[in-house]
Protein backbone atom coordinates (compact mmCIF):
# COMPACT_ATOMS: atom_id res chain seq x y z
CA MET A 1 40.25 48.18 251.87
CA THR A 2 42.90 49.83 249.43
CA ILE A 3 41.87 53.44 250.46
CA ALA A 4 42.02 52.49 254.18
CA ARG A 5 45.68 51.06 253.59
CA LYS A 6 46.72 54.10 251.82
CA SER A 7 45.64 56.61 254.48
CA TRP A 8 47.30 54.33 257.10
CA LYS A 9 50.56 54.51 255.16
CA LYS A 10 50.40 58.30 255.05
CA ARG A 11 49.74 58.56 258.94
CA THR A 12 52.75 56.17 259.58
CA ILE A 13 54.97 58.30 257.27
CA ASN A 14 53.88 61.76 258.32
CA PRO A 15 53.02 62.20 262.00
CA TYR A 16 51.52 65.52 261.59
CA PHE A 17 48.79 64.10 259.07
CA GLY A 18 46.94 62.70 262.17
CA SER A 19 46.84 66.14 263.95
CA GLY A 20 45.55 67.63 260.70
CA ASP A 21 42.83 64.95 260.40
CA LYS A 22 41.53 65.85 263.74
CA MET A 23 41.29 69.58 262.98
CA ILE A 24 39.34 68.67 259.91
CA SER A 25 36.91 66.55 261.87
CA LEU A 26 36.83 69.35 264.53
CA ALA A 27 36.00 71.88 261.69
CA LYS A 28 33.29 69.60 260.28
CA ILE A 29 31.56 69.36 263.76
CA GLY A 30 31.87 73.00 264.35
CA VAL A 31 29.97 73.60 260.94
CA LYS A 32 27.46 71.09 261.69
CA THR A 33 26.62 72.73 265.10
CA TYR A 34 26.52 76.13 263.49
CA PHE A 35 23.84 75.04 260.82
CA VAL A 36 21.78 73.41 263.53
CA ILE A 37 21.71 76.61 265.59
CA LEU A 38 20.69 78.58 262.49
CA SER A 39 18.00 76.53 261.58
CA LEU A 40 16.77 76.41 265.10
CA ILE A 41 16.79 80.17 265.14
CA LEU A 42 14.95 80.36 261.91
CA ILE A 43 12.18 77.82 263.37
CA LEU A 44 11.86 79.88 266.32
CA ARG A 45 11.11 82.97 264.48
CA ILE A 46 8.65 81.28 262.22
CA GLU A 47 7.01 79.83 265.31
CA GLY A 48 6.97 83.20 267.07
CA GLY A 49 5.20 84.83 264.11
CA ASP A 50 8.09 87.51 263.56
């Protein structure tokens, strides 16, 4: 609860913090998809017998 309250206070004080938070979450999603695609390519190569 205390951590949530602290982050809520930061957001109210700094309006730009929210947009930065969105960018960080988008970056995390991008990294996740990138690794998923890489693993899929590796699996396909192993299955193909290359």
